[in-house]
Amino acid sequence: MKKSSVFFLILSASWLLTSCGGLLGRAIDPDRGGSGNFTATVDGKSWKADQVSAISLFGYFTMTANKGENEYFSVSFLPDQINIGKSYSFDGEESGKFAVTFINDQGTFVPATGTIRITSFRDNRTLEGEMEFESLDLTGKTIQVKNAKFKASIVL
């Protein structure tokens, strides 16, 4: 329990630093743009991030992909806990290796079923991967995320 509490504390700190257009990077360079790309199909509609930010903090790598003011994906993990190229199931034994969230005007969604695969992770700075999942929020609303492909680099 203590390990998961620490994970979520660091996840929250990482989210604060990477969300809203990458607060940490923007504090250093206000004109800094995104550092990657993220595309997916969300409930049958094309979704493309306007901005992608990434940070590595206390061993955790976190990427946030924003679209507009109220929609974003967040992906966090411990690089030393995963194998590059391996697919991880969100509903299996290894479901705790990744923290994935999608937030929009309808709610906050976390994967219930599906997979994520990190296809490349270079120099602890550049991440590439893909995922698909069906998600459920606390009110029972569901969404489907298909063909999500992402790439992010730490700019700092």
N, C-alpha and C. Protein backbone atom coordinates (compact mmCIF):
# COMPACT_ATOMS: atom_id res chain seq x y z
N MET A 1 0.83 -1.18 0.00
CA MET A 1 0.00 0.00 0.00
C MET A 1 0.87 1.24 0.00
N LYS A 2 1.95 1.23 0.80
CA LYS A 2 2.82 2.39 0.88
C LYS A 2 3.48 2.66 -0.48
N LYS A 3 3.86 1.60 -1.20
CA LYS A 3 4.49 1.75 -2.50
C LYS A 3 3.54 2.42 -3.49
N SER A 4 2.27 2.02 -3.49
CA SER A 4 1.31 2.63 -4.42
C SER A 4 1.01 4.08 -4.01
N SER A 5 1.03 4.39 -2.73
CA SER A 5 0.80 5.77 -2.29
C SER A 5 1.92 6.67 -2.77
N VAL A 6 3.15 6.21 -2.68
CA VAL A 6 4.29 6.98 -3.16
C VAL A 6 4.19 7.15 -4.67
N PHE A 7 3.79 6.09 -5.37
CA PHE A 7 3.65 6.16 -6.81
C PHE A 7 2.64 7.24 -7.20
N PHE A 8 1.49 7.27 -6.55
CA PHE A 8 0.47 8.24 -6.90
C PHE A 8 0.86 9.66 -6.48
N LEU A 9 1.63 9.80 -5.44
CA LEU A 9 2.14 11.11 -5.04
C LEU A 9 3.09 11.65 -6.11
N ILE A 10 3.99 10.80 -6.57
CA ILE A 10 4.93 11.21 -7.62
C ILE A 10 4.19 11.42 -8.93
N LEU A 11 3.20 10.58 -9.22
CA LEU A 11 2.39 10.76 -10.42
C LEU A 11 1.71 12.12 -10.40
N SER A 12 1.16 12.49 -9.26
CA SER A 12 0.49 13.79 -9.13
C SER A 12 1.46 14.94 -9.35
N ALA A 13 2.63 14.84 -8.76
CA ALA A 13 3.64 15.88 -8.93
C ALA A 13 4.07 15.97 -10.40
N SER A 14 4.26 14.81 -11.04
CA SER A 14 4.63 14.80 -12.45
C SER A 14 3.54 15.41 -13.31
N TRP A 15 2.29 15.08 -13.00
CA TRP A 15 1.17 15.64 -13.76
C TRP A 15 1.16 17.15 -13.65
N LEU A 16 1.37 17.68 -12.46
CA LEU A 16 1.37 19.13 -12.28
C LEU A 16 2.47 19.79 -13.08
N LEU A 17 3.61 19.13 -13.17
CA LEU A 17 4.73 19.72 -13.88
C LEU A 17 4.60 19.61 -15.39
N THR A 18 3.84 18.62 -15.89
CA THR A 18 3.74 18.43 -17.33
C THR A 18 2.42 18.88 -17.90
N SER A 19 1.39 19.04 -17.11
CA SER A 19 0.08 19.42 -17.64
C SER A 19 0.03 20.90 -17.94
N CYS A 20 -1.08 21.33 -18.48
CA CYS A 20 -1.28 22.75 -18.80
C CYS A 20 -0.16 23.27 -19.69
N GLY A 21 0.27 22.44 -20.66
CA GLY A 21 1.30 22.88 -21.58
C GLY A 21 2.71 22.72 -21.05
N GLY A 22 2.90 21.99 -20.01
CA GLY A 22 4.24 21.75 -19.48
C GLY A 22 4.69 22.89 -18.60
N LEU A 23 4.18 22.99 -17.41
CA LEU A 23 4.47 24.12 -16.53
C LEU A 23 5.95 24.32 -16.28
N LEU A 24 6.67 23.24 -16.01
CA LEU A 24 8.09 23.38 -15.70
C LEU A 24 8.85 23.92 -16.90
N GLY A 25 8.62 23.34 -18.06
CA GLY A 25 9.30 23.80 -19.27
C GLY A 25 8.92 25.22 -19.62
N ARG A 26 7.67 25.59 -19.47
CA ARG A 26 7.23 26.95 -19.78
C ARG A 26 7.79 27.96 -18.79
N ALA A 27 8.01 27.55 -17.54
CA ALA A 27 8.61 28.47 -16.57
C ALA A 27 10.03 28.82 -16.98
N ILE A 28 10.73 27.88 -17.58
CA ILE A 28 12.10 28.12 -18.02
C ILE A 28 12.11 28.86 -19.36
N ASP A 29 11.26 28.45 -20.30
CA ASP A 29 11.18 29.06 -21.62
C ASP A 29 9.72 29.18 -22.03
N PRO A 30 9.09 30.35 -21.87
CA PRO A 30 7.67 30.51 -22.14
C PRO A 30 7.27 30.23 -23.59
N ASP A 31 8.22 30.29 -24.53
CA ASP A 31 7.89 30.06 -25.94
C ASP A 31 8.13 28.61 -26.36
N ARG A 32 8.50 27.77 -25.41
CA ARG A 32 8.79 26.37 -25.73
C ARG A 32 7.54 25.66 -26.23
N GLY A 33 7.66 24.97 -27.32
CA GLY A 33 6.54 24.20 -27.85
C GLY A 33 6.52 22.80 -27.30
N GLY A 34 5.63 21.98 -27.84
CA GLY A 34 5.53 20.59 -27.41
C GLY A 34 6.75 19.80 -27.81
N SER A 35 6.89 18.65 -27.25
CA SER A 35 8.07 17.84 -27.49
C SER A 35 7.69 16.45 -27.98
N GLY A 36 6.75 16.37 -28.91
CA GLY A 36 6.37 15.08 -29.44
C GLY A 36 5.02 15.12 -30.10
N ASN A 37 4.39 13.95 -30.21
CA ASN A 37 3.06 13.87 -30.81
C ASN A 37 2.29 12.73 -30.17
N PHE A 38 0.98 12.84 -30.28
CA PHE A 38 0.08 11.84 -29.72
C PHE A 38 -1.19 11.86 -30.56
N THR A 39 -1.53 10.72 -31.14
CA THR A 39 -2.77 10.58 -31.90
C THR A 39 -3.52 9.34 -31.42
N ALA A 40 -4.83 9.38 -31.54
CA ALA A 40 -5.66 8.23 -31.14
C ALA A 40 -7.03 8.39 -31.77
N THR A 41 -7.82 7.35 -31.66
CA THR A 41 -9.23 7.41 -31.99
C THR A 41 -9.97 7.21 -30.67
N VAL A 42 -10.73 8.23 -30.26
CA VAL A 42 -11.46 8.19 -28.99
C VAL A 42 -12.95 8.13 -29.30
N ASP A 43 -13.57 7.02 -28.95
CA ASP A 43 -14.99 6.79 -29.26
C ASP A 43 -15.31 7.05 -30.73
N GLY A 44 -14.43 6.56 -31.60
CA GLY A 44 -14.66 6.65 -33.03
C GLY A 44 -14.27 7.97 -33.68
N LYS A 45 -13.77 8.93 -32.90
CA LYS A 45 -13.39 10.24 -33.43
C LYS A 45 -11.88 10.42 -33.33
N SER A 46 -11.31 11.03 -34.36
CA SER A 46 -9.88 11.29 -34.38
C SER A 46 -9.50 12.27 -33.26
N TRP A 47 -8.39 11.99 -32.59
CA TRP A 47 -7.90 12.83 -31.49
C TRP A 47 -6.42 13.06 -31.71
N LYS A 48 -6.01 14.33 -31.75
CA LYS A 48 -4.60 14.67 -31.93
C LYS A 48 -4.23 15.74 -30.92
N ALA A 49 -3.14 15.53 -30.22
CA ALA A 49 -2.69 16.48 -29.20
C ALA A 49 -2.17 17.76 -29.84
N ASP A 50 -2.48 18.88 -29.19
CA ASP A 50 -1.91 20.17 -29.57
C ASP A 50 -0.52 20.32 -28.98
N GLN A 51 -0.31 19.70 -27.84
CA GLN A 51 0.95 19.85 -27.11
C GLN A 51 1.27 18.55 -26.38
N VAL A 52 2.53 18.16 -26.42
CA VAL A 52 3.00 16.98 -25.70
C VAL A 52 4.18 17.40 -24.83
N SER A 53 4.13 17.05 -23.56
CA SER A 53 5.21 17.37 -22.62
C SER A 53 5.65 16.10 -21.92
N ALA A 54 6.91 16.08 -21.50
CA ALA A 54 7.42 14.91 -20.79
C ALA A 54 8.40 15.35 -19.71
N ILE A 55 8.45 14.56 -18.66
CA ILE A 55 9.38 14.83 -17.56
C ILE A 55 9.77 13.50 -16.92
N SER A 56 10.99 13.45 -16.43
CA SER A 56 11.44 12.32 -15.64
C SER A 56 11.75 12.87 -14.26
N LEU A 57 11.06 12.34 -13.25
CA LEU A 57 11.18 12.86 -11.91
C LEU A 57 11.22 11.70 -10.91
N PHE A 58 12.26 11.63 -10.10
CA PHE A 58 12.42 10.58 -9.09
C PHE A 58 12.29 9.18 -9.69
N GLY A 59 12.81 9.00 -10.89
CA GLY A 59 12.78 7.69 -11.54
C GLY A 59 11.54 7.41 -12.36
N TYR A 60 10.51 8.23 -12.24
CA TYR A 60 9.27 8.05 -13.01
C TYR A 60 9.34 8.88 -14.28
N PHE A 61 8.86 8.32 -15.38
CA PHE A 61 8.74 9.06 -16.63
C PHE A 61 7.26 9.35 -16.83
N THR A 62 6.92 10.60 -17.07
CA THR A 62 5.53 10.99 -17.29
C THR A 62 5.42 11.81 -18.56
N MET A 63 4.45 11.44 -19.39
CA MET A 63 4.14 12.17 -20.60
C MET A 63 2.69 12.64 -20.51
N THR A 64 2.45 13.88 -20.90
CA THR A 64 1.09 14.42 -20.94
C THR A 64 0.85 14.99 -22.33
N ALA A 65 -0.28 14.62 -22.93
CA ALA A 65 -0.67 15.11 -24.25
C ALA A 65 -1.97 15.89 -24.10
N ASN A 66 -1.92 17.18 -24.40
CA ASN A 66 -3.07 18.07 -24.24
C ASN A 66 -3.71 18.39 -25.58
N LYS A 67 -5.04 18.47 -25.57
CA LYS A 67 -5.80 18.96 -26.72
C LYS A 67 -6.76 20.01 -26.18
N GLY A 68 -6.52 21.26 -26.55
CA GLY A 68 -7.36 22.32 -26.02
C GLY A 68 -7.13 22.49 -24.53
N GLU A 69 -8.13 23.05 -23.86
CA GLU A 69 -8.02 23.33 -22.43
C GLU A 69 -8.44 22.17 -21.54
N ASN A 70 -9.34 21.29 -22.04
CA ASN A 70 -9.97 20.32 -21.14
C ASN A 70 -9.79 18.86 -21.51
N GLU A 71 -8.91 18.55 -22.41
CA GLU A 71 -8.71 17.15 -22.79
C GLU A 71 -7.24 16.81 -22.75
N TYR A 72 -6.92 15.70 -22.09
CA TYR A 72 -5.54 15.25 -22.13
C TYR A 72 -5.41 13.78 -21.74
N PHE A 73 -4.32 13.20 -22.22
CA PHE A 73 -3.88 11.87 -21.83
C PHE A 73 -2.64 12.05 -20.96
N SER A 74 -2.47 11.18 -19.98
CA SER A 74 -1.27 11.14 -19.17
C SER A 74 -0.82 9.69 -19.07
N VAL A 75 0.47 9.47 -19.29
CA VAL A 75 1.06 8.12 -19.19
C VAL A 75 2.29 8.22 -18.30
N SER A 76 2.34 7.42 -17.23
CA SER A 76 3.49 7.41 -16.32
C SER A 76 3.93 5.97 -16.06
N PHE A 77 5.23 5.81 -15.85
CA PHE A 77 5.76 4.48 -15.55
C PHE A 77 7.17 4.60 -15.01
N LEU A 78 7.64 3.51 -14.42
CA LEU A 78 9.03 3.39 -13.97
C LEU A 78 9.80 2.66 -15.08
N PRO A 79 10.71 3.34 -15.77
CA PRO A 79 11.42 2.70 -16.88
C PRO A 79 12.11 1.39 -16.53
N ASP A 80 12.65 1.27 -15.33
CA ASP A 80 13.36 0.04 -14.99
C ASP A 80 12.43 -1.12 -14.67
N GLN A 81 11.12 -0.89 -14.70
CA GLN A 81 10.13 -1.94 -14.41
C GLN A 81 9.49 -2.52 -15.68
N ILE A 82 9.88 -2.02 -16.86
CA ILE A 82 9.24 -2.49 -18.09
C ILE A 82 10.27 -3.03 -19.07
N ASN A 83 9.78 -3.82 -20.02
CA ASN A 83 10.60 -4.33 -21.12
C ASN A 83 10.14 -3.67 -22.41
N ILE A 84 11.08 -3.10 -23.14
CA ILE A 84 10.76 -2.44 -24.41
C ILE A 84 10.22 -3.49 -25.39
N GLY A 85 9.12 -3.15 -26.05
CA GLY A 85 8.52 -4.04 -27.04
C GLY A 85 7.48 -5.00 -26.47
N LYS A 86 7.42 -5.14 -25.17
CA LYS A 86 6.46 -6.05 -24.55
C LYS A 86 5.11 -5.35 -24.38
N SER A 87 4.02 -6.06 -24.67
CA SER A 87 2.68 -5.54 -24.43
C SER A 87 2.27 -5.84 -23.00
N TYR A 88 1.76 -4.83 -22.32
CA TYR A 88 1.29 -4.97 -20.95
C TYR A 88 -0.22 -4.78 -20.93
N SER A 89 -0.90 -5.68 -20.24
CA SER A 89 -2.36 -5.64 -20.14
C SER A 89 -2.77 -4.76 -18.97
N PHE A 90 -3.78 -3.93 -19.20
CA PHE A 90 -4.28 -3.07 -18.12
C PHE A 90 -5.11 -3.85 -17.10
N ASP A 91 -5.55 -5.06 -17.44
CA ASP A 91 -6.39 -5.81 -16.52
C ASP A 91 -5.71 -7.09 -16.01
N GLY A 92 -4.40 -7.19 -16.19
CA GLY A 92 -3.69 -8.38 -15.75
C GLY A 92 -2.84 -8.10 -14.52
N GLU A 93 -1.95 -9.05 -14.24
CA GLU A 93 -1.06 -8.94 -13.08
C GLU A 93 -0.18 -7.70 -13.15
N GLU A 94 0.16 -7.29 -14.36
CA GLU A 94 1.09 -6.18 -14.54
C GLU A 94 0.39 -4.84 -14.70
N SER A 95 -0.86 -4.76 -14.33
CA SER A 95 -1.63 -3.54 -14.55
C SER A 95 -1.07 -2.34 -13.78
N GLY A 96 -0.33 -2.58 -12.72
CA GLY A 96 0.21 -1.49 -11.93
C GLY A 96 1.51 -0.88 -12.45
N LYS A 97 2.01 -1.41 -13.56
CA LYS A 97 3.27 -0.89 -14.10
C LYS A 97 3.10 0.46 -14.79
N PHE A 98 1.87 0.78 -15.18
CA PHE A 98 1.60 2.04 -15.87
C PHE A 98 0.44 2.75 -15.20
N ALA A 99 0.52 4.07 -15.16
CA ALA A 99 -0.61 4.89 -14.72
C ALA A 99 -1.05 5.68 -15.95
N VAL A 100 -2.22 5.36 -16.48
CA VAL A 100 -2.74 6.01 -17.68
C VAL A 100 -4.07 6.66 -17.33
N THR A 101 -4.25 7.89 -17.79
CA THR A 101 -5.49 8.63 -17.54
C THR A 101 -5.88 9.39 -18.79
N PHE A 102 -7.17 9.45 -19.06
CA PHE A 102 -7.71 10.33 -20.10
C PHE A 102 -8.78 11.18 -19.45
N ILE A 103 -8.67 12.48 -19.61
CA ILE A 103 -9.63 13.41 -19.03
C ILE A 103 -10.22 14.26 -20.14
N ASN A 104 -11.56 14.38 -20.11
CA ASN A 104 -12.26 15.30 -21.01
C ASN A 104 -13.46 15.87 -20.26
N ASP A 105 -14.34 16.58 -20.97
CA ASP A 105 -15.49 17.20 -20.32
C ASP A 105 -16.47 16.19 -19.73
N GLN A 106 -16.38 14.93 -20.18
CA GLN A 106 -17.30 13.91 -19.68
C GLN A 106 -16.81 13.23 -18.41
N GLY A 107 -15.52 13.36 -18.10
CA GLY A 107 -15.03 12.72 -16.88
C GLY A 107 -13.56 12.38 -16.92
N THR A 108 -13.14 11.63 -15.93
CA THR A 108 -11.77 11.14 -15.81
C THR A 108 -11.81 9.63 -15.99
N PHE A 109 -11.06 9.16 -16.97
CA PHE A 109 -11.12 7.75 -17.35
C PHE A 109 -9.76 7.08 -17.17
N VAL A 110 -9.79 5.87 -16.64
CA VAL A 110 -8.59 5.04 -16.53
C VAL A 110 -8.90 3.71 -17.23
N PRO A 111 -7.90 3.08 -17.81
CA PRO A 111 -8.15 1.83 -18.54
C PRO A 111 -8.71 0.73 -17.65
N ALA A 112 -9.71 0.04 -18.17
CA ALA A 112 -10.26 -1.14 -17.50
C ALA A 112 -9.73 -2.40 -18.19
N THR A 113 -9.67 -2.35 -19.52
CA THR A 113 -9.11 -3.44 -20.32
C THR A 113 -8.28 -2.83 -21.42
N GLY A 114 -7.43 -3.63 -22.04
CA GLY A 114 -6.62 -3.16 -23.15
C GLY A 114 -5.15 -3.37 -22.88
N THR A 115 -4.31 -2.80 -23.77
CA THR A 115 -2.87 -3.00 -23.66
C THR A 115 -2.11 -1.70 -23.94
N ILE A 116 -0.89 -1.67 -23.46
CA ILE A 116 0.06 -0.61 -23.76
C ILE A 116 1.39 -1.26 -24.08
N ARG A 117 2.12 -0.67 -25.02
CA ARG A 117 3.43 -1.20 -25.40
C ARG A 117 4.36 -0.03 -25.64
N ILE A 118 5.49 -0.03 -24.96
CA ILE A 118 6.53 0.97 -25.20
C ILE A 118 7.43 0.38 -26.29
N THR A 119 7.47 1.03 -27.44
CA THR A 119 8.23 0.50 -28.57
C THR A 119 9.67 0.99 -28.57
N SER A 120 9.92 2.12 -27.90
CA SER A 120 11.27 2.65 -27.83
C SER A 120 11.39 3.56 -26.61
N PHE A 121 12.50 3.45 -25.91
CA PHE A 121 12.81 4.35 -24.79
C PHE A 121 14.31 4.57 -24.81
N ARG A 122 14.72 5.73 -25.31
CA ARG A 122 16.13 6.01 -25.53
C ARG A 122 16.67 7.04 -24.53
N ASP A 123 17.81 6.74 -23.97
CA ASP A 123 18.56 7.67 -23.11
C ASP A 123 17.73 8.23 -21.96
N ASN A 124 16.70 7.51 -21.53
CA ASN A 124 15.82 7.96 -20.46
C ASN A 124 15.20 9.33 -20.77
N ARG A 125 15.09 9.65 -22.07
CA ARG A 125 14.60 10.97 -22.49
C ARG A 125 13.54 10.91 -23.59
N THR A 126 13.58 9.89 -24.43
CA THR A 126 12.66 9.83 -25.57
C THR A 126 11.86 8.54 -25.52
N LEU A 127 10.55 8.70 -25.53
CA LEU A 127 9.60 7.60 -25.39
C LEU A 127 8.76 7.49 -26.65
N GLU A 128 8.54 6.26 -27.11
CA GLU A 128 7.59 5.99 -28.19
C GLU A 128 6.77 4.78 -27.78
N GLY A 129 5.49 4.77 -28.14
CA GLY A 129 4.66 3.63 -27.80
C GLY A 129 3.29 3.69 -28.42
N GLU A 130 2.48 2.72 -28.03
CA GLU A 130 1.13 2.60 -28.55
C GLU A 130 0.25 1.93 -27.50
N MET A 131 -1.04 2.21 -27.57
CA MET A 131 -1.96 1.57 -26.63
C MET A 131 -3.37 1.58 -27.19
N GLU A 132 -4.19 0.71 -26.64
CA GLU A 132 -5.62 0.63 -26.90
C GLU A 132 -6.27 0.22 -25.60
N PHE A 133 -7.42 0.82 -25.30
CA PHE A 133 -8.10 0.40 -24.09
C PHE A 133 -9.55 0.83 -24.09
N GLU A 134 -10.32 0.12 -23.28
CA GLU A 134 -11.67 0.55 -22.95
C GLU A 134 -11.61 1.03 -21.52
N SER A 135 -12.27 2.13 -21.28
CA SER A 135 -12.14 2.79 -20.00
C SER A 135 -13.49 3.00 -19.34
N LEU A 136 -13.45 3.16 -18.05
CA LEU A 136 -14.65 3.36 -17.25
C LEU A 136 -14.35 4.45 -16.24
N ASP A 137 -15.29 5.40 -16.06
CA ASP A 137 -15.09 6.37 -14.99
C ASP A 137 -15.93 5.98 -13.79
N LEU A 138 -15.87 6.76 -12.74
CA LEU A 138 -16.55 6.40 -11.50
C LEU A 138 -18.07 6.44 -11.60
N THR A 139 -18.61 7.12 -12.61
CA THR A 139 -20.07 7.19 -12.77
C THR A 139 -20.60 6.09 -13.68
N GLY A 140 -19.70 5.29 -14.26
CA GLY A 140 -20.13 4.21 -15.13
C GLY A 140 -20.04 4.53 -16.62
N LYS A 141 -19.64 5.75 -17.00
CA LYS A 141 -19.45 6.11 -18.41
C LYS A 141 -18.23 5.36 -18.94
N THR A 142 -18.32 4.95 -20.19
CA THR A 142 -17.20 4.26 -20.82
C THR A 142 -16.74 5.02 -22.05
N ILE A 143 -15.48 4.83 -22.40
CA ILE A 143 -14.94 5.31 -23.67
C ILE A 143 -14.02 4.22 -24.23
N GLN A 144 -13.81 4.29 -25.53
CA GLN A 144 -12.87 3.38 -26.18
C GLN A 144 -11.77 4.22 -26.81
N VAL A 145 -10.54 3.83 -26.55
CA VAL A 145 -9.38 4.47 -27.16
C VAL A 145 -8.72 3.42 -28.05
N LYS A 146 -8.61 3.74 -29.32
CA LYS A 146 -8.02 2.81 -30.29
C LYS A 146 -6.84 3.48 -30.98
N ASN A 147 -5.91 2.67 -31.44
CA ASN A 147 -4.79 3.12 -32.26
C ASN A 147 -4.05 4.33 -31.70
N ALA A 148 -3.88 4.41 -30.40
CA ALA A 148 -3.13 5.51 -29.80
C ALA A 148 -1.64 5.28 -30.05
N LYS A 149 -1.01 6.28 -30.63
CA LYS A 149 0.42 6.24 -30.89
C LYS A 149 1.02 7.52 -30.34
N PHE A 150 2.16 7.38 -29.65
CA PHE A 150 2.74 8.56 -29.02
C PHE A 150 4.25 8.55 -29.08
N LYS A 151 4.79 9.76 -29.05
CA LYS A 151 6.23 9.97 -28.99
C LYS A 151 6.43 11.24 -28.18
N ALA A 152 7.35 11.21 -27.23
CA ALA A 152 7.62 12.38 -26.40
C ALA A 152 9.09 12.39 -26.01
N SER A 153 9.64 13.60 -25.94
CA SER A 153 11.02 13.78 -25.50
C SER A 153 11.06 14.83 -24.41
N ILE A 154 11.94 14.60 -23.46
CA ILE A 154 12.17 15.61 -22.43
C ILE A 154 13.02 16.69 -23.06
N VAL A 155 12.56 17.92 -22.99
CA VAL A 155 13.26 19.02 -23.63
C VAL A 155 14.29 19.63 -22.69
N LEU A 156 14.05 19.58 -21.40
CA LEU A 156 14.94 20.24 -20.42
C LEU A 156 16.31 19.63 -20.40
